[in-house]
Amino acid sequence: MTAVDGDVDVPFSVHDRAVSVPAAETLVLSDVHLGKAAASSVDAPIDDGADSVERLSGLLEATDPATVVVAGDLLHSFSRLPSGVERDLGRLVDAVDAAGADLVVTPGNHDAMLERAFDGETATEYRLTDGETVVCHGHDRPDASAERYVIGHDHPALSVDGRKHPCVLYGPDAYEGAAVLVLPAFTRLAAGATVNGMFGRDFQSPLVRTADAFYPAISDGSSGETLWFPPLGELRRLL
């Protein structure tokens, strides 16, 4: 486990827009939003499908998981599948298969067309093999009880020296005594919600009731280190 703020231990490791839960041999990411570029009227600066698959392949090689869980919004589709989504989804599924891992998706509020495009395993709430962690998208209150929840939905990002960085947020005892881990959007097309000045009421997920006790963390791609920051309630006075 990694110690945060001296006495808070986290049973996961932070990677590029994703986390690994070693006790469950699981890689968790969220908000891939395949189809977002095609559904937008603005020209995308990157091929979001190819970019997501390429970065996922790197994470699979680095973490060697038995299971990959997408915590919702794998797709960006409501009434139809945007052009290229089935191709990009096929590439993503193939990458997970090639790594010898199982793929599970917990549907999010943007996954209206998921059943049409994806024939793999889905679950509204998915309990990892450690028995303590439940993954869900986070747009609704979970039915399952857990020691910790891993969610997406809010796309957190931290602004440091005027530059925005995708970040995870970790809140011990944040939801009915359970810890909550909020993941950033995996797609690089999502700008992210700057959490520096956000309060509980500013988050869309009902699992974030007060933001003050959530610790932000950034994965430093150049060094490979995880940079942990003080909880948001304290950080507002520093940044």
C-alpha atoms as a PDB file:
ATOM      1  CA  MET A   1       0.000   0.000   0.000  1.00  0.00           C
ATOM      2  CA  THR A   2       1.023   3.596  -0.586  1.00  0.00           C
ATOM      3  CA  ALA A   3       0.885   5.998   2.351  1.00  0.00           C
ATOM      4  CA  VAL A   4      -0.824   9.318   1.754  1.00  0.00           C
ATOM      5  CA  ASP A   5      -0.481  12.207   4.187  1.00  0.00           C
ATOM      6  CA  GLY A   6       1.409  10.009   6.627  1.00  0.00           C
ATOM      7  CA  ASP A   7      -1.398   7.732   7.834  1.00  0.00           C
ATOM      8  CA  VAL A   8      -3.806   7.189   4.929  1.00  0.00           C
ATOM      9  CA  ASP A   9      -3.000   4.018   2.967  1.00  0.00           C
ATOM     10  CA  VAL A  10      -4.284   3.449  -0.552  1.00  0.00           C
ATOM     11  CA  PRO A  11      -4.568  -0.115  -1.951  1.00  0.00           C
ATOM     12  CA  PHE A  12      -4.088   0.946  -5.560  1.00  0.00           C
ATOM     13  CA  SER A  13      -1.483   2.507  -7.827  1.00  0.00           C
ATOM     14  CA  VAL A  14      -2.111   5.532 -10.024  1.00  0.00           C
ATOM     15  CA  HIS A  15      -1.259   5.412 -13.723  1.00  0.00           C
ATOM     16  CA  ASP A  16      -2.033   7.519 -16.792  1.00  0.00           C
ATOM     17  CA  ARG A  17      -5.770   8.244 -16.320  1.00  0.00           C
ATOM     18  CA  ALA A  18      -6.301   4.835 -14.686  1.00  0.00           C
ATOM     19  CA  VAL A  19      -5.590   2.873 -11.519  1.00  0.00           C
ATOM     20  CA  SER A  20      -4.364  -0.618 -10.795  1.00  0.00           C
ATOM     21  CA  VAL A  21      -5.705  -2.636  -7.855  1.00  0.00           C
ATOM     22  CA  PRO A  22      -2.958  -5.229  -7.269  1.00  0.00           C
ATOM     23  CA  ALA A  23      -4.924  -7.280  -4.705  1.00  0.00           C
ATOM     24  CA  ALA A  24      -7.544  -7.938  -7.387  1.00  0.00           C
ATOM     25  CA  GLU A  25      -5.138  -8.027 -10.369  1.00  0.00           C
ATOM     26  CA  THR A  26      -7.378  -5.409 -11.967  1.00  0.00           C
ATOM     27  CA  LEU A  27      -6.879  -2.298 -14.066  1.00  0.00           C
ATOM     28  CA  VAL A  28      -9.723   0.233 -13.824  1.00  0.00           C
ATOM     29  CA  LEU A  29     -10.353   3.134 -16.193  1.00  0.00           C
ATOM     30  CA  SER A  30     -13.386   5.253 -16.899  1.00  0.00           C
ATOM     31  CA  ASP A  31     -14.993   7.608 -19.396  1.00  0.00           C
ATOM     32  CA  VAL A  32     -13.339   6.414 -22.593  1.00  0.00           C
ATOM     33  CA  HIS A  33     -16.163   8.060 -24.578  1.00  0.00           C
ATOM     34  CA  LEU A  34     -15.489   6.284 -27.869  1.00  0.00           C
ATOM     35  CA  GLY A  35     -17.370   8.253 -30.503  1.00  0.00           C
ATOM     36  CA  LYS A  36     -17.024  11.631 -28.828  1.00  0.00           C
ATOM     37  CA  ALA A  37     -14.951  13.076 -31.655  1.00  0.00           C
ATOM     38  CA  ALA A  38     -17.342  11.838 -34.350  1.00  0.00           C
ATOM     39  CA  ALA A  39     -20.345  13.153 -32.429  1.00  0.00           C
ATOM     40  CA  SER A  40     -18.778  16.598 -32.069  1.00  0.00           C
ATOM     41  CA  SER A  41     -19.050  19.360 -34.634  1.00  0.00           C
ATOM     42  CA  VAL A  42     -15.510  20.429 -33.747  1.00  0.00           C
ATOM     43  CA  ASP A  43     -12.537  18.799 -35.467  1.00  0.00           C
ATOM     44  CA  ALA A  44     -10.751  16.618 -32.917  1.00  0.00           C
ATOM     45  CA  PRO A  45      -6.996  17.187 -32.536  1.00  0.00           C
ATOM     46  CA  ILE A  46      -6.396  13.453 -32.097  1.00  0.00           C
ATOM     47  CA  ASP A  47      -7.857  10.167 -33.251  1.00  0.00           C
ATOM     48  CA  ASP A  48      -9.485   9.442 -29.895  1.00  0.00           C
ATOM     49  CA  GLY A  49     -10.135   5.772 -30.601  1.00  0.00           C
ATOM     50  CA  ALA A  50      -6.600   4.953 -31.701  1.00  0.00           C
ATOM     51  CA  ASP A  51      -5.138   7.117 -28.934  1.00  0.00           C
ATOM     52  CA  SER A  52      -7.157   5.373 -26.221  1.00  0.00           C
ATOM     53  CA  VAL A  53      -6.274   1.901 -27.490  1.00  0.00           C
ATOM     54  CA  GLU A  54      -2.585   2.775 -27.740  1.00  0.00           C
ATOM     55  CA  ARG A  55      -2.448   4.113 -24.185  1.00  0.00           C
ATOM     56  CA  LEU A  56      -4.475   1.186 -22.864  1.00  0.00           C
ATOM     57  CA  SER A  57      -2.035  -1.231 -24.500  1.00  0.00           C
ATOM     58  CA  GLY A  58       0.813   0.468 -22.645  1.00  0.00           C
ATOM     59  CA  LEU A  59      -1.036   0.158 -19.346  1.00  0.00           C
ATOM     60  CA  LEU A  60      -1.794  -3.507 -19.975  1.00  0.00           C
ATOM     61  CA  GLU A  61       1.878  -4.172 -20.543  1.00  0.00           C
ATOM     62  CA  ALA A  62       2.866  -2.219 -17.428  1.00  0.00           C
ATOM     63  CA  THR A  63       0.313  -3.703 -15.015  1.00  0.00           C
ATOM     64  CA  ASP A  64      -0.396  -7.198 -16.458  1.00  0.00           C
ATOM     65  CA  PRO A  65      -3.961  -7.383 -15.079  1.00  0.00           C
ATOM     66  CA  ALA A  66      -6.231 -10.411 -15.069  1.00  0.00           C
ATOM     67  CA  THR A  67      -9.256  -8.122 -15.442  1.00  0.00           C
ATOM     68  CA  VAL A  68      -9.870  -4.716 -16.989  1.00  0.00           C
ATOM     69  CA  VAL A  69     -12.934  -2.836 -15.752  1.00  0.00           C
ATOM     70  CA  VAL A  70     -14.315   0.242 -17.480  1.00  0.00           C
ATOM     71  CA  ALA A  71     -16.205   2.276 -14.896  1.00  0.00           C
ATOM     72  CA  GLY A  72     -18.805   3.605 -17.289  1.00  0.00           C
ATOM     73  CA  ASP A  73     -19.094   5.737 -20.405  1.00  0.00           C
ATOM     74  CA  LEU A  74     -17.096   3.399 -22.586  1.00  0.00           C
ATOM     75  CA  LEU A  75     -19.087   4.922 -25.439  1.00  0.00           C
ATOM     76  CA  HIS A  76     -20.361   8.381 -26.239  1.00  0.00           C
ATOM     77  CA  SER A  77     -23.659   7.368 -27.821  1.00  0.00           C
ATOM     78  CA  PHE A  78     -27.313   8.050 -27.124  1.00  0.00           C
ATOM     79  CA  SER A  79     -29.601   7.266 -30.064  1.00  0.00           C
ATOM     80  CA  ARG A  80     -27.092   5.953 -32.613  1.00  0.00           C
ATOM     81  CA  LEU A  81     -23.532   4.693 -32.840  1.00  0.00           C
ATOM     82  CA  PRO A  82     -21.215   7.410 -34.197  1.00  0.00           C
ATOM     83  CA  SER A  83     -19.051   6.550 -37.169  1.00  0.00           C
ATOM     84  CA  GLY A  84     -15.996   4.494 -36.313  1.00  0.00           C
ATOM     85  CA  VAL A  85     -17.169   3.432 -32.835  1.00  0.00           C
ATOM     86  CA  GLU A  86     -17.552  -0.261 -33.635  1.00  0.00           C
ATOM     87  CA  ARG A  87     -14.095  -0.306 -35.244  1.00  0.00           C
ATOM     88  CA  ASP A  88     -12.466   1.438 -32.265  1.00  0.00           C
ATOM     89  CA  LEU A  89     -14.334  -0.715 -29.761  1.00  0.00           C
ATOM     90  CA  GLY A  90     -13.179  -3.830 -31.615  1.00  0.00           C
ATOM     91  CA  ARG A  91      -9.580  -2.663 -31.366  1.00  0.00           C
ATOM     92  CA  LEU A  92      -9.954  -2.021 -27.652  1.00  0.00           C
ATOM     93  CA  VAL A  93     -11.478  -5.450 -27.036  1.00  0.00           C
ATOM     94  CA  ASP A  94      -8.711  -7.061 -29.101  1.00  0.00           C
ATOM     95  CA  ALA A  95      -6.032  -5.263 -27.052  1.00  0.00           C
ATOM     96  CA  VAL A  96      -7.480  -6.588 -23.798  1.00  0.00           C
ATOM     97  CA  ASP A  97      -7.829 -10.082 -25.253  1.00  0.00           C
ATOM     98  CA  ALA A  98      -4.243 -10.023 -26.511  1.00  0.00           C
ATOM     99  CA  ALA A  99      -3.084  -9.182 -22.983  1.00  0.00           C
ATOM    100  CA  GLY A 100      -4.893 -12.261 -21.652  1.00  0.00           C
ATOM    101  CA  ALA A 101      -7.299 -10.205 -19.545  1.00  0.00           C
ATOM    102  CA  ASP A 102     -11.081 -10.214 -19.159  1.00  0.00           C
ATOM    103  CA  LEU A 103     -13.003  -7.039 -19.977  1.00  0.00           C
ATOM    104  CA  VAL A 104     -15.960  -5.886 -17.852  1.00  0.00           C
ATOM    105  CA  VAL A 105     -17.984  -2.709 -18.408  1.00  0.00           C
ATOM    106  CA  THR A 106     -20.181  -1.007 -15.815  1.00  0.00           C
ATOM    107  CA  PRO A 107     -22.511   1.106 -18.009  1.00  0.00           C
ATOM    108  CA  GLY A 108     -22.569   4.866 -17.572  1.00  0.00           C
ATOM    109  CA  ASN A 109     -25.083   7.533 -18.497  1.00  0.00           C
ATOM    110  CA  HIS A 110     -23.533   7.909 -21.980  1.00  0.00           C
ATOM    111  CA  ASP A 111     -23.719   4.173 -22.757  1.00  0.00           C
ATOM    112  CA  ALA A 112     -27.252   4.046 -24.163  1.00  0.00           C
ATOM    113  CA  MET A 113     -26.077   2.023 -27.174  1.00  0.00           C
ATOM    114  CA  LEU A 114     -23.671  -0.241 -25.296  1.00  0.00           C
ATOM    115  CA  GLU A 115     -25.717  -3.428 -25.698  1.00  0.00           C
ATOM    116  CA  ARG A 116     -25.824  -2.949 -29.464  1.00  0.00           C
ATOM    117  CA  ALA A 117     -22.058  -2.530 -29.782  1.00  0.00           C
ATOM    118  CA  PHE A 118     -20.594  -4.647 -26.976  1.00  0.00           C
ATOM    119  CA  ASP A 119     -21.405  -8.312 -26.358  1.00  0.00           C
ATOM    120  CA  GLY A 120     -19.011  -8.822 -23.460  1.00  0.00           C
ATOM    121  CA  GLU A 121     -19.622  -8.834 -19.709  1.00  0.00           C
ATOM    122  CA  THR A 122     -21.463  -5.894 -18.190  1.00  0.00           C
ATOM    123  CA  ALA A 123     -22.607  -5.171 -14.636  1.00  0.00           C
ATOM    124  CA  THR A 124     -24.202  -2.102 -13.119  1.00  0.00           C
ATOM    125  CA  GLU A 125     -21.916  -2.608 -10.118  1.00  0.00           C
ATOM    126  CA  TYR A 126     -18.903  -4.914 -10.286  1.00  0.00           C
ATOM    127  CA  ARG A 127     -17.175  -6.274  -7.179  1.00  0.00           C
ATOM    128  CA  LEU A 128     -13.484  -6.968  -7.609  1.00  0.00           C
ATOM    129  CA  THR A 129     -11.951 -10.250  -6.483  1.00  0.00           C
ATOM    130  CA  ASP A 130     -10.455  -8.569  -3.402  1.00  0.00           C
ATOM    131  CA  GLY A 131     -14.032  -8.619  -2.074  1.00  0.00           C
ATOM    132  CA  GLU A 132     -13.721  -5.036  -0.810  1.00  0.00           C
ATOM    133  CA  THR A 133     -13.887  -2.877  -3.930  1.00  0.00           C
ATOM    134  CA  VAL A 134     -16.958  -2.133  -6.052  1.00  0.00           C
ATOM    135  CA  VAL A 135     -16.656  -0.397  -9.414  1.00  0.00           C
ATOM    136  CA  CYS A 136     -19.552   1.588 -10.877  1.00  0.00           C
ATOM    137  CA  HIS A 137     -19.911   4.710 -12.979  1.00  0.00           C
ATOM    138  CA  GLY A 138     -21.010   6.906 -10.100  1.00  0.00           C
ATOM    139  CA  HIS A 139     -23.964   8.716 -11.647  1.00  0.00           C
ATOM    140  CA  ASP A 140     -26.372   6.843  -9.333  1.00  0.00           C
ATOM    141  CA  ARG A 141     -26.150   5.747  -5.719  1.00  0.00           C
ATOM    142  CA  PRO A 142     -24.799   2.169  -5.519  1.00  0.00           C
ATOM    143  CA  ASP A 143     -26.906  -0.668  -4.159  1.00  0.00           C
ATOM    144  CA  ALA A 144     -23.911  -2.799  -3.147  1.00  0.00           C
ATOM    145  CA  SER A 145     -22.066  -2.106   0.083  1.00  0.00           C
ATOM    146  CA  ALA A 146     -18.281  -1.953  -0.077  1.00  0.00           C
ATOM    147  CA  GLU A 147     -15.128  -0.885   1.711  1.00  0.00           C
ATOM    148  CA  ARG A 148     -14.378   1.366  -1.262  1.00  0.00           C
ATOM    149  CA  TYR A 149     -15.984   2.468  -4.510  1.00  0.00           C
ATOM    150  CA  VAL A 150     -14.149   3.276  -7.731  1.00  0.00           C
ATOM    151  CA  ILE A 151     -16.125   5.612  -9.978  1.00  0.00           C
ATOM    152  CA  GLY A 152     -15.787   8.010 -12.895  1.00  0.00           C
ATOM    153  CA  HIS A 153     -18.388  10.449 -14.201  1.00  0.00           C
ATOM    154  CA  ASP A 154     -16.958  13.777 -12.985  1.00  0.00           C
ATOM    155  CA  HIS A 155     -13.697  13.877 -15.016  1.00  0.00           C
ATOM    156  CA  PRO A 156     -11.565  15.486 -12.257  1.00  0.00           C
ATOM    157  CA  ALA A 157      -8.520  17.585 -13.143  1.00  0.00           C
ATOM    158  CA  LEU A 158      -6.180  19.633 -10.963  1.00  0.00           C
ATOM    159  CA  SER A 159      -4.776  23.009 -11.978  1.00  0.00           C
ATOM    160  CA  VAL A 160      -1.147  23.500 -10.916  1.00  0.00           C
ATOM    161  CA  ASP A 161       0.753  26.647 -11.913  1.00  0.00           C
ATOM    162  CA  GLY A 162      -1.880  27.405 -14.537  1.00  0.00           C
ATOM    163  CA  ARG A 163      -1.722  23.971 -16.157  1.00  0.00           C
ATOM    164  CA  LYS A 164      -4.549  21.462 -15.918  1.00  0.00           C
ATOM    165  CA  HIS A 165      -3.696  17.824 -15.145  1.00  0.00           C
ATOM    166  CA  PRO A 166      -6.108  14.853 -15.079  1.00  0.00           C
ATOM    167  CA  CYS A 167      -6.147  13.558 -11.525  1.00  0.00           C
ATOM    168  CA  VAL A 168      -7.655  10.913  -9.310  1.00  0.00           C
ATOM    169  CA  LEU A 169      -9.476  11.945  -6.156  1.00  0.00           C
ATOM    170  CA  TYR A 170      -9.352   9.701  -3.100  1.00  0.00           C
ATOM    171  CA  GLY A 171     -11.708  10.261  -0.194  1.00  0.00           C
ATOM    172  CA  PRO A 172     -11.318   7.975   2.849  1.00  0.00           C
ATOM    173  CA  ASP A 173     -14.671   7.472   4.597  1.00  0.00           C
ATOM    174  CA  ALA A 174     -16.293   9.693   1.974  1.00  0.00           C
ATOM    175  CA  TYR A 175     -19.543   7.803   1.377  1.00  0.00           C
ATOM    176  CA  GLU A 176     -21.391   6.148   4.250  1.00  0.00           C
ATOM    177  CA  GLY A 177     -18.095   5.118   5.853  1.00  0.00           C
ATOM    178  CA  ALA A 178     -16.617   3.777   2.620  1.00  0.00           C
ATOM    179  CA  ALA A 179     -13.719   5.222   0.664  1.00  0.00           C
ATOM    180  CA  VAL A 180     -14.374   6.699  -2.782  1.00  0.00           C
ATOM    181  CA  LEU A 181     -11.870   6.882  -5.627  1.00  0.00           C
ATOM    182  CA  VAL A 182     -12.872   9.149  -8.527  1.00  0.00           C
ATOM    183  CA  LEU A 183     -11.059   8.520 -11.812  1.00  0.00           C
ATOM    184  CA  PRO A 184     -10.304  11.097 -14.497  1.00  0.00           C
ATOM    185  CA  ALA A 185     -11.626  10.644 -18.023  1.00  0.00           C
ATOM    186  CA  PHE A 186      -9.506   8.199 -19.989  1.00  0.00           C
ATOM    187  CA  THR A 187     -10.135  10.043 -23.243  1.00  0.00           C
ATOM    188  CA  ARG A 188      -7.866  13.018 -23.790  1.00  0.00           C
ATOM    189  CA  LEU A 189     -10.735  14.807 -25.538  1.00  0.00           C
ATOM    190  CA  ALA A 190     -12.390  15.525 -22.170  1.00  0.00           C
ATOM    191  CA  ALA A 191     -11.155  18.839 -20.796  1.00  0.00           C
ATOM    192  CA  GLY A 192     -11.824  17.767 -17.217  1.00  0.00           C
ATOM    193  CA  ALA A 193     -13.520  19.597 -14.381  1.00  0.00           C
ATOM    194  CA  THR A 194     -11.014  21.715 -12.442  1.00  0.00           C
ATOM    195  CA  VAL A 195     -11.449  20.545  -8.852  1.00  0.00           C
ATOM    196  CA  ASN A 196      -9.337  23.206  -7.097  1.00  0.00           C
ATOM    197  CA  GLY A 197     -12.319  25.372  -6.219  1.00  0.00           C
ATOM    198  CA  MET A 198     -15.050  22.732  -6.318  1.00  0.00           C
ATOM    199  CA  PHE A 199     -17.263  21.833  -3.372  1.00  0.00           C
ATOM    200  CA  GLY A 200     -19.470  18.783  -2.879  1.00  0.00           C
ATOM    201  CA  ARG A 201     -22.425  20.497  -4.530  1.00  0.00           C
ATOM    202  CA  ASP A 202     -20.340  21.022  -7.696  1.00  0.00           C
ATOM    203  CA  PHE A 203     -19.849  17.297  -8.309  1.00  0.00           C
ATOM    204  CA  GLN A 204     -22.380  15.327 -10.315  1.00  0.00           C
ATOM    205  CA  SER A 205     -21.831  12.035  -8.486  1.00  0.00           C
ATOM    206  CA  PRO A 206     -23.948  11.436  -5.364  1.00  0.00           C
ATOM    207  CA  LEU A 207     -20.956   9.579  -3.881  1.00  0.00           C
ATOM    208  CA  VAL A 208     -19.104  12.888  -3.465  1.00  0.00           C
ATOM    209  CA  ARG A 209     -20.989  14.659  -0.687  1.00  0.00           C
ATOM    210  CA  THR A 210     -18.217  16.948   0.475  1.00  0.00           C
ATOM    211  CA  ALA A 211     -15.041  17.533  -1.485  1.00  0.00           C
ATOM    212  CA  ASP A 212     -12.858  18.861   1.326  1.00  0.00           C
ATOM    213  CA  ALA A 213     -11.446  15.497   2.429  1.00  0.00           C
ATOM    214  CA  PHE A 214     -10.573  14.202  -1.071  1.00  0.00           C
ATOM    215  CA  TYR A 215      -6.861  13.912  -1.849  1.00  0.00           C
ATOM    216  CA  PRO A 216      -5.897  14.639  -5.494  1.00  0.00           C
ATOM    217  CA  ALA A 217      -3.124  12.642  -7.148  1.00  0.00           C
ATOM    218  CA  ILE A 218      -1.412  13.125 -10.504  1.00  0.00           C
ATOM    219  CA  SER A 219       0.577  10.553 -12.421  1.00  0.00           C
ATOM    220  CA  ASP A 220       3.850  12.171 -13.532  1.00  0.00           C
ATOM    221  CA  GLY A 221       4.552  10.633 -16.912  1.00  0.00           C
ATOM    222  CA  SER A 222       8.142  11.880 -17.054  1.00  0.00           C
ATOM    223  CA  SER A 223       9.227  10.318 -13.755  1.00  0.00           C
ATOM    224  CA  GLY A 224       6.644   7.561 -13.369  1.00  0.00           C
ATOM    225  CA  GLU A 225       5.897   8.821  -9.876  1.00  0.00           C
ATOM    226  CA  THR A 226       2.520   9.610  -8.306  1.00  0.00           C
ATOM    227  CA  LEU A 227       2.274  13.133  -6.903  1.00  0.00           C
ATOM    228  CA  TRP A 228      -0.146  13.335  -3.970  1.00  0.00           C
ATOM    229  CA  PHE A 229      -1.526  16.684  -2.856  1.00  0.00           C
ATOM    230  CA  PRO A 230      -3.211  17.793   0.386  1.00  0.00           C
ATOM    231  CA  PRO A 231      -7.000  17.329   0.547  1.00  0.00           C
ATOM    232  CA  LEU A 232      -9.039  19.837  -1.438  1.00  0.00           C
ATOM    233  CA  GLY A 233     -10.226  21.676   1.664  1.00  0.00           C
ATOM    234  CA  GLU A 234      -6.605  22.533   2.473  1.00  0.00           C
ATOM    235  CA  LEU A 235      -5.458  22.822  -1.126  1.00  0.00           C
ATOM    236  CA  ARG A 236      -7.836  25.700  -1.871  1.00  0.00           C
ATOM    237  CA  ARG A 237      -5.751  27.879   0.430  1.00  0.00           C
ATOM    238  CA  LEU A 238      -2.490  26.878  -1.270  1.00  0.00           C
ATOM    239  CA  LEU A 239      -3.194  26.971  -5.012  1.00  0.00           C
END
